[in-house]
Structures are given as structure tokens and as C-alpha cells.
PDB file of N, CA and C in Angstrom:
ATOM      1  N   UNK A   1      20.911   6.167   2.381  1.00  0.00           N
ATOM      2  CA  UNK A   1      20.396   6.201   3.735  1.00  0.00           C
ATOM      3  C   UNK A   1      21.581   6.233   4.696  1.00  0.00           C
ATOM      4  N   UNK A   2      21.769   7.363   5.294  1.00  0.00           N
ATOM      5  CA  UNK A   2      22.902   7.488   6.206  1.00  0.00           C
ATOM      6  C   UNK A   2      22.464   7.828   7.622  1.00  0.00           C
ATOM      7  N   UNK A   3      21.216   7.654   7.903  1.00  0.00           N
ATOM      8  CA  UNK A   3      20.701   8.029   9.210  1.00  0.00           C
ATOM      9  C   UNK A   3      19.748   6.943   9.710  1.00  0.00           C
ATOM     10  N   UNK A   4      19.824   6.660  11.004  1.00  0.00           N
ATOM     11  CA  UNK A   4      18.980   5.633  11.584  1.00  0.00           C
ATOM     12  C   UNK A   4      17.498   5.956  11.408  1.00  0.00           C
ATOM     13  N   UNK A   5      17.141   7.238  11.423  1.00  0.00           N
ATOM     14  CA  UNK A   5      15.735   7.625  11.229  1.00  0.00           C
ATOM     15  C   UNK A   5      15.201   7.181   9.873  1.00  0.00           C
ATOM     16  N   UNK A   6      16.069   7.169   8.868  1.00  0.00           N
ATOM     17  CA  UNK A   6      15.650   6.685   7.555  1.00  0.00           C
ATOM     18  C   UNK A   6      15.245   5.222   7.618  1.00  0.00           C
ATOM     19  N   UNK A   7      15.990   4.427   8.367  1.00  0.00           N
ATOM     20  CA  UNK A   7      15.652   3.013   8.503  1.00  0.00           C
ATOM     21  C   UNK A   7      14.327   2.837   9.238  1.00  0.00           C
ATOM     22  N   UNK A   8      14.068   3.661  10.234  1.00  0.00           N
ATOM     23  CA  UNK A   8      12.786   3.586  10.946  1.00  0.00           C
ATOM     24  C   UNK A   8      11.635   3.936  10.012  1.00  0.00           C
ATOM     25  N   UNK A   9      11.826   4.927   9.165  1.00  0.00           N
ATOM     26  CA  UNK A   9      10.777   5.313   8.221  1.00  0.00           C
ATOM     27  C   UNK A   9      10.478   4.184   7.243  1.00  0.00           C
ATOM     28  N   UNK A  10      11.531   3.527   6.785  1.00  0.00           N
ATOM     29  CA  UNK A  10      11.344   2.396   5.866  1.00  0.00           C
ATOM     30  C   UNK A  10      10.584   1.275   6.556  1.00  0.00           C
ATOM     31  N   UNK A  11      10.895   1.007   7.812  1.00  0.00           N
ATOM     32  CA  UNK A  11      10.176  -0.030   8.558  1.00  0.00           C
ATOM     33  C   UNK A  11       8.696   0.300   8.682  1.00  0.00           C
ATOM     34  N   UNK A  12       8.383   1.534   8.988  1.00  0.00           N
ATOM     35  CA  UNK A  12       6.976   1.939   9.118  1.00  0.00           C
ATOM     36  C   UNK A  12       6.270   1.842   7.765  1.00  0.00           C
ATOM     37  N   UNK A  13       6.968   2.246   6.711  1.00  0.00           N
ATOM     38  CA  UNK A  13       6.393   2.154   5.366  1.00  0.00           C
ATOM     39  C   UNK A  13       6.102   0.696   5.007  1.00  0.00           C
ATOM     40  N   UNK A  14       7.055  -0.198   5.281  1.00  0.00           N
ATOM     41  CA  UNK A  14       6.866  -1.624   4.987  1.00  0.00           C
ATOM     42  C   UNK A  14       5.711  -2.195   5.813  1.00  0.00           C
ATOM     43  N   UNK A  15       5.613  -1.797   7.059  1.00  0.00           N
ATOM     44  CA  UNK A  15       4.518  -2.247   7.911  1.00  0.00           C
ATOM     45  C   UNK A  15       3.177  -1.773   7.347  1.00  0.00           C
ATOM     46  N   UNK A  16       3.145  -0.544   6.855  1.00  0.00           N
ATOM     47  CA  UNK A  16       1.932  -0.023   6.236  1.00  0.00           C
ATOM     48  C   UNK A  16       1.519  -0.833   5.022  1.00  0.00           C
ATOM     49  N   UNK A  17       2.498  -1.264   4.212  1.00  0.00           N
ATOM     50  CA  UNK A  17       2.188  -2.105   3.055  1.00  0.00           C
ATOM     51  C   UNK A  17       1.595  -3.442   3.484  1.00  0.00           C
ATOM     52  N   UNK A  18       2.121  -4.010   4.559  1.00  0.00           N
ATOM     53  CA  UNK A  18       1.587  -5.286   5.065  1.00  0.00           C
ATOM     54  C   UNK A  18       0.148  -5.099   5.520  1.00  0.00           C
ATOM     55  N   UNK A  19      -0.123  -4.039   6.282  1.00  0.00           N
ATOM     56  CA  UNK A  19      -1.494  -3.781   6.736  1.00  0.00           C
ATOM     57  C   UNK A  19      -2.436  -3.550   5.557  1.00  0.00           C
ATOM     58  N   UNK A  20      -1.960  -2.801   4.560  1.00  0.00           N
ATOM     59  CA  UNK A  20      -2.771  -2.528   3.372  1.00  0.00           C
ATOM     60  C   UNK A  20      -3.174  -3.833   2.688  1.00  0.00           C
ATOM     61  N   UNK A  21      -2.219  -4.727   2.483  1.00  0.00           N
ATOM     62  CA  UNK A  21      -2.518  -5.999   1.820  1.00  0.00           C
ATOM     63  C   UNK A  21      -3.439  -6.867   2.660  1.00  0.00           C
ATOM     64  N   UNK A  22      -3.262  -6.859   3.969  1.00  0.00           N
ATOM     65  CA  UNK A  22      -4.170  -7.631   4.831  1.00  0.00           C
ATOM     66  C   UNK A  22      -5.595  -7.127   4.678  1.00  0.00           C
ATOM     67  N   UNK A  23      -5.765  -5.828   4.649  1.00  0.00           N
ATOM     68  CA  UNK A  23      -7.111  -5.259   4.508  1.00  0.00           C
ATOM     69  C   UNK A  23      -7.700  -5.545   3.129  1.00  0.00           C
ATOM     70  N   UNK A  24      -6.883  -5.453   2.093  1.00  0.00           N
ATOM     71  CA  UNK A  24      -7.379  -5.715   0.736  1.00  0.00           C
ATOM     72  C   UNK A  24      -7.833  -7.161   0.573  1.00  0.00           C
ATOM     73  N   UNK A  25      -7.164  -8.080   1.239  1.00  0.00           N
ATOM     74  CA  UNK A  25      -7.414  -9.502   1.036  1.00  0.00           C
ATOM     75  C   UNK A  25      -8.355 -10.108   2.078  1.00  0.00           C
ATOM     76  N   UNK A  26      -8.917  -9.294   2.952  1.00  0.00           N
ATOM     77  CA  UNK A  26      -9.828  -9.785   3.978  1.00  0.00           C
ATOM     78  C   UNK A  26     -11.252  -9.774   3.456  1.00  0.00           C
ATOM     79  N   UNK A  27     -11.962 -10.851   3.712  1.00  0.00           N
ATOM     80  CA  UNK A  27     -13.356 -10.966   3.292  1.00  0.00           C
ATOM     81  C   UNK A  27     -14.239 -10.703   4.499  1.00  0.00           C
ATOM     82  N   UNK A  28     -15.267  -9.891   4.270  1.00  0.00           N
ATOM     83  CA  UNK A  28     -16.200  -9.594   5.341  1.00  0.00           C
ATOM     84  C   UNK A  28     -17.611  -9.818   4.816  1.00  0.00           C
ATOM     85  N   UNK A  29     -18.284 -10.794   5.366  1.00  0.00           N
ATOM     86  CA  UNK A  29     -19.651 -11.075   4.938  1.00  0.00           C
ATOM     87  C   UNK A  29     -19.686 -11.661   3.543  1.00  0.00           C
ATOM     88  N   UNK A  30     -20.523 -11.093   2.678  1.00  0.00           N
ATOM     89  CA  UNK A  30     -20.712 -11.620   1.329  1.00  0.00           C
ATOM     90  C   UNK A  30     -19.730 -11.046   0.313  1.00  0.00           C
ATOM     91  N   UNK A  31     -18.944 -10.092   0.715  1.00  0.00           N
ATOM     92  CA  UNK A  31     -18.017  -9.455  -0.210  1.00  0.00           C
ATOM     93  C   UNK A  31     -16.892 -10.405  -0.599  1.00  0.00           C
ATOM     94  N   UNK A  32     -16.351 -10.189  -1.773  1.00  0.00           N
ATOM     95  CA  UNK A  32     -15.197 -10.956  -2.214  1.00  0.00           C
ATOM     96  C   UNK A  32     -13.960 -10.088  -2.069  1.00  0.00           C
ATOM     97  N   UNK A  33     -12.858 -10.715  -1.728  1.00  0.00           N
ATOM     98  CA  UNK A  33     -11.628  -9.932  -1.596  1.00  0.00           C
ATOM     99  C   UNK A  33     -11.071  -9.603  -2.981  1.00  0.00           C
ATOM    100  N   UNK A  34     -10.261  -8.578  -3.014  1.00  0.00           N
ATOM    101  CA  UNK A  34      -9.668  -8.146  -4.262  1.00  0.00           C
ATOM    102  C   UNK A  34      -8.518  -9.074  -4.638  1.00  0.00           C
ATOM    103  N   UNK A  35      -8.244  -9.190  -5.915  1.00  0.00           N
ATOM    104  CA  UNK A  35      -7.118  -9.991  -6.373  1.00  0.00           C
ATOM    105  C   UNK A  35      -5.819  -9.346  -5.935  1.00  0.00           C
ATOM    106  N   UNK A  36      -4.792 -10.167  -5.762  1.00  0.00           N
ATOM    107  CA  UNK A  36      -3.496  -9.624  -5.368  1.00  0.00           C
ATOM    108  C   UNK A  36      -2.947  -8.725  -6.469  1.00  0.00           C
ATOM    109  N   UNK A  37      -2.441  -7.619  -6.067  1.00  0.00           N
ATOM    110  CA  UNK A  37      -1.729  -6.696  -6.948  1.00  0.00           C
ATOM    111  C   UNK A  37      -0.529  -6.174  -6.171  1.00  0.00           C
ATOM    112  N   UNK A  38       0.617  -6.055  -6.794  1.00  0.00           N
ATOM    113  CA  UNK A  38       1.764  -5.472  -6.084  1.00  0.00           C
ATOM    114  C   UNK A  38       1.470  -4.023  -5.702  1.00  0.00           C
ATOM    115  N   UNK A  39       2.120  -3.523  -4.667  1.00  0.00           N
ATOM    116  CA  UNK A  39       1.913  -2.130  -4.276  1.00  0.00           C
ATOM    117  C   UNK A  39       2.208  -1.176  -5.434  1.00  0.00           C
ATOM    118  N   UNK A  40       1.339  -0.222  -5.621  1.00  0.00           N
ATOM    119  CA  UNK A  40       1.490   0.816  -6.641  1.00  0.00           C
ATOM    120  C   UNK A  40       1.555   0.243  -8.057  1.00  0.00           C
ATOM    121  N   UNK A  41       0.883  -0.876  -8.271  1.00  0.00           N
ATOM    122  CA  UNK A  41       0.877  -1.535  -9.583  1.00  0.00           C
ATOM    123  C   UNK A  41       0.334  -0.639 -10.689  1.00  0.00           C
ATOM    124  N   UNK A  42      -0.510   0.308 -10.308  1.00  0.00           N
ATOM    125  CA  UNK A  42      -1.150   1.159 -11.311  1.00  0.00           C
ATOM    126  C   UNK A  42      -0.306   2.362 -11.732  1.00  0.00           C
ATOM    127  N   UNK A  43       0.832   2.585 -11.066  1.00  0.00           N
ATOM    128  CA  UNK A  43       1.672   3.733 -11.427  1.00  0.00           C
ATOM    129  C   UNK A  43       3.121   3.375 -11.717  1.00  0.00           C
ATOM    130  N   UNK A  44       3.520   2.126 -11.446  1.00  0.00           N
ATOM    131  CA  UNK A  44       4.882   1.682 -11.765  1.00  0.00           C
ATOM    132  C   UNK A  44       4.818   0.363 -12.529  1.00  0.00           C
ATOM    133  N   UNK A  45       5.935  -0.032 -13.098  1.00  0.00           N
ATOM    134  CA  UNK A  45       5.998  -1.288 -13.831  1.00  0.00           C
ATOM    135  C   UNK A  45       5.967  -2.494 -12.904  1.00  0.00           C
ATOM    136  N   UNK A  46       6.085  -3.682 -13.490  1.00  0.00           N
ATOM    137  CA  UNK A  46       5.991  -4.915 -12.703  1.00  0.00           C
ATOM    138  C   UNK A  46       7.222  -5.159 -11.822  1.00  0.00           C
ATOM    139  N   UNK A  47       8.353  -4.551 -12.158  1.00  0.00           N
ATOM    140  CA  UNK A  47       9.567  -4.689 -11.350  1.00  0.00           C
ATOM    141  C   UNK A  47      10.209  -3.310 -11.200  1.00  0.00           C
ATOM    142  N   UNK A  48       9.608  -2.447 -10.363  1.00  0.00           N
ATOM    143  CA  UNK A  48      10.077  -1.069 -10.285  1.00  0.00           C
ATOM    144  C   UNK A  48      11.442  -0.949  -9.608  1.00  0.00           C
ATOM    145  N   UNK A  49      12.198   0.023 -10.035  1.00  0.00           N
ATOM    146  CA  UNK A  49      13.493   0.295  -9.411  1.00  0.00           C
ATOM    147  C   UNK A  49      13.275   1.141  -8.161  1.00  0.00           C
ATOM    148  N   UNK A  50      14.314   1.252  -7.366  1.00  0.00           N
ATOM    149  CA  UNK A  50      14.251   2.086  -6.171  1.00  0.00           C
ATOM    150  C   UNK A  50      13.933   3.525  -6.553  1.00  0.00           C
ATOM    151  N   UNK A  51      14.536   3.992  -7.636  1.00  0.00           N
ATOM    152  CA  UNK A  51      14.322   5.368  -8.077  1.00  0.00           C
ATOM    153  C   UNK A  51      12.870   5.607  -8.487  1.00  0.00           C
ATOM    154  N   UNK A  52      12.262   4.633  -9.181  1.00  0.00           N
ATOM    155  CA  UNK A  52      10.852   4.763  -9.570  1.00  0.00           C
ATOM    156  C   UNK A  52       9.956   4.871  -8.339  1.00  0.00           C
ATOM    157  N   UNK A  53      10.188   3.985  -7.377  1.00  0.00           N
ATOM    158  CA  UNK A  53       9.366   3.995  -6.169  1.00  0.00           C
ATOM    159  C   UNK A  53       9.569   5.276  -5.374  1.00  0.00           C
ATOM    160  N   UNK A  54      10.798   5.739  -5.299  1.00  0.00           N
ATOM    161  CA  UNK A  54      11.077   6.987  -4.579  1.00  0.00           C
ATOM    162  C   UNK A  54      10.342   8.148  -5.226  1.00  0.00           C
ATOM    163  N   UNK A  55      10.348   8.192  -6.556  1.00  0.00           N
ATOM    164  CA  UNK A  55       9.653   9.257  -7.270  1.00  0.00           C
ATOM    165  C   UNK A  55       8.155   9.208  -6.997  1.00  0.00           C
ATOM    166  N   UNK A  56       7.560   8.027  -7.112  1.00  0.00           N
ATOM    167  CA  UNK A  56       6.113   7.885  -6.945  1.00  0.00           C
ATOM    168  C   UNK A  56       5.679   8.209  -5.514  1.00  0.00           C
ATOM    169  N   UNK A  57       6.390   7.655  -4.531  1.00  0.00           N
ATOM    170  CA  UNK A  57       5.967   7.790  -3.140  1.00  0.00           C
ATOM    171  C   UNK A  57       6.433   9.094  -2.513  1.00  0.00           C
ATOM    172  N   UNK A  58       7.707   9.425  -2.678  1.00  0.00           N
ATOM    173  CA  UNK A  58       8.268  10.602  -1.992  1.00  0.00           C
ATOM    174  C   UNK A  58       8.080  11.898  -2.776  1.00  0.00           C
ATOM    175  N   UNK A  59       8.454  11.878  -4.044  1.00  0.00           N
ATOM    176  CA  UNK A  59       8.405  13.106  -4.836  1.00  0.00           C
ATOM    177  C   UNK A  59       6.975  13.457  -5.242  1.00  0.00           C
ATOM    178  N   UNK A  60       6.268  12.486  -5.849  1.00  0.00           N
ATOM    179  CA  UNK A  60       4.905  12.742  -6.315  1.00  0.00           C
ATOM    180  C   UNK A  60       3.869  12.671  -5.197  1.00  0.00           C
ATOM    181  N   UNK A  61       4.218  12.009  -4.075  1.00  0.00           N
ATOM    182  CA  UNK A  61       3.291  11.905  -2.951  1.00  0.00           C
ATOM    183  C   UNK A  61       2.069  11.057  -3.246  1.00  0.00           C
ATOM    184  N   UNK A  62       2.209  10.097  -4.157  1.00  0.00           N
ATOM    185  CA  UNK A  62       1.074   9.247  -4.540  1.00  0.00           C
ATOM    186  C   UNK A  62       0.664   8.346  -3.377  1.00  0.00           C
ATOM    187  N   UNK A  63      -0.612   8.261  -3.157  1.00  0.00           N
ATOM    188  CA  UNK A  63      -1.175   7.335  -2.172  1.00  0.00           C
ATOM    189  C   UNK A  63      -2.325   6.602  -2.851  1.00  0.00           C
ATOM    190  N   UNK A  64      -2.489   5.322  -2.566  1.00  0.00           N
ATOM    191  CA  UNK A  64      -3.584   4.573  -3.194  1.00  0.00           C
ATOM    192  C   UNK A  64      -4.942   5.040  -2.674  1.00  0.00           C
ATOM    193  N   UNK A  65      -5.950   4.856  -3.509  1.00  0.00           N
ATOM    194  CA  UNK A  65      -7.317   5.188  -3.114  1.00  0.00           C
ATOM    195  C   UNK A  65      -7.832   4.149  -2.133  1.00  0.00           C
ATOM    196  N   UNK A  66      -8.599   4.607  -1.166  1.00  0.00           N
ATOM    197  CA  UNK A  66      -9.225   3.694  -0.210  1.00  0.00           C
ATOM    198  C   UNK A  66     -10.471   3.127  -0.878  1.00  0.00           C
ATOM    199  N   UNK A  67     -10.581   1.789  -0.940  1.00  0.00           N
ATOM    200  CA  UNK A  67     -11.746   1.183  -1.596  1.00  0.00           C
ATOM    201  C   UNK A  67     -13.063   1.599  -0.938  1.00  0.00           C
ATOM    202  N   UNK A  68     -14.078   1.754  -1.752  1.00  0.00           N
ATOM    203  CA  UNK A  68     -15.400   2.161  -1.272  1.00  0.00           C
ATOM    204  C   UNK A  68     -15.957   1.164  -0.252  1.00  0.00           C
ATOM    205  N   UNK A  69     -15.646  -0.106  -0.439  1.00  0.00           N
ATOM    206  CA  UNK A  69     -16.193  -1.121   0.476  1.00  0.00           C
ATOM    207  C   UNK A  69     -15.685  -0.938   1.903  1.00  0.00           C
ATOM    208  N   UNK A  70     -14.520  -0.336   2.070  1.00  0.00           N
ATOM    209  CA  UNK A  70     -14.004  -0.077   3.417  1.00  0.00           C
ATOM    210  C   UNK A  70     -14.803   1.027   4.091  1.00  0.00           C
ATOM    211  N   UNK A  71     -15.155   2.034   3.340  1.00  0.00           N
ATOM    212  CA  UNK A  71     -15.914   3.152   3.890  1.00  0.00           C
ATOM    213  C   UNK A  71     -17.328   2.737   4.282  1.00  0.00           C
ATOM    214  N   UNK A  72     -17.898   1.795   3.543  1.00  0.00           N
ATOM    215  CA  UNK A  72     -19.283   1.361   3.789  1.00  0.00           C
ATOM    216  C   UNK A  72     -19.395   0.201   4.765  1.00  0.00           C
ATOM    217  N   UNK A  73     -18.283  -0.315   5.248  1.00  0.00           N
ATOM    218  CA  UNK A  73     -18.294  -1.461   6.134  1.00  0.00           C
ATOM    219  C   UNK A  73     -18.329  -0.980   7.584  1.00  0.00           C
ATOM    220  N   UNK A  74     -19.357  -1.378   8.308  1.00  0.00           N
ATOM    221  CA  UNK A  74     -19.498  -0.982   9.698  1.00  0.00           C
ATOM    222  C   UNK A  74     -19.196  -2.180  10.583  1.00  0.00           C
ATOM    223  N   UNK A  75     -18.333  -1.982  11.559  1.00  0.00           N
ATOM    224  CA  UNK A  75     -17.991  -3.051  12.495  1.00  0.00           C
ATOM    225  C   UNK A  75     -19.145  -3.234  13.460  1.00  0.00           C
ATOM    226  N   UNK A  76     -19.470  -4.488  13.682  1.00  0.00           N
ATOM    227  CA  UNK A  76     -20.592  -4.768  14.583  1.00  0.00           C
ATOM    228  C   UNK A  76     -20.120  -5.296  15.895  1.00  0.00           C
TER     229      UNK A  76
END
């Protein structure tokens, strides 16, 4: 990372992970929240290297699936 823009992108990415976890762990009504899982647990090992994460996120363009319960939840 030799450019300030790279650091800004990392900050936005980290912020997105925080928002994702907040949404996953929030209970609404009778629903139960999901168990904690590290980001991208289904495509990388338990202690991924920087290179693994770069491949999954940047090269492969992997994005997690949005849970069905989010789509069916209507704000009142």
C-alpha cells in the first residue's frame, strides 16, 4: 500500500465488516440472531493470511450472501 487512497479503501472495508456483524447479530422480534462467524469463514481458513483475503475479496470478488431474514424484515 503506497497510496493514501488504499488506506481509505481499507477503512471503508473494515467499516463494512463492522456493519455486517452488527446486522447479523441483531435480533428483531421473535427471530434469533446468527452465531458469530469470522468474516468469510466459509471460503478461508480460521486464520487467513493477507494473500488469502486479497484473493477472495479482490481477485475472486466474493461477497457474502444476504440472509433471507433481512429481505423479509419490514421496518415499522
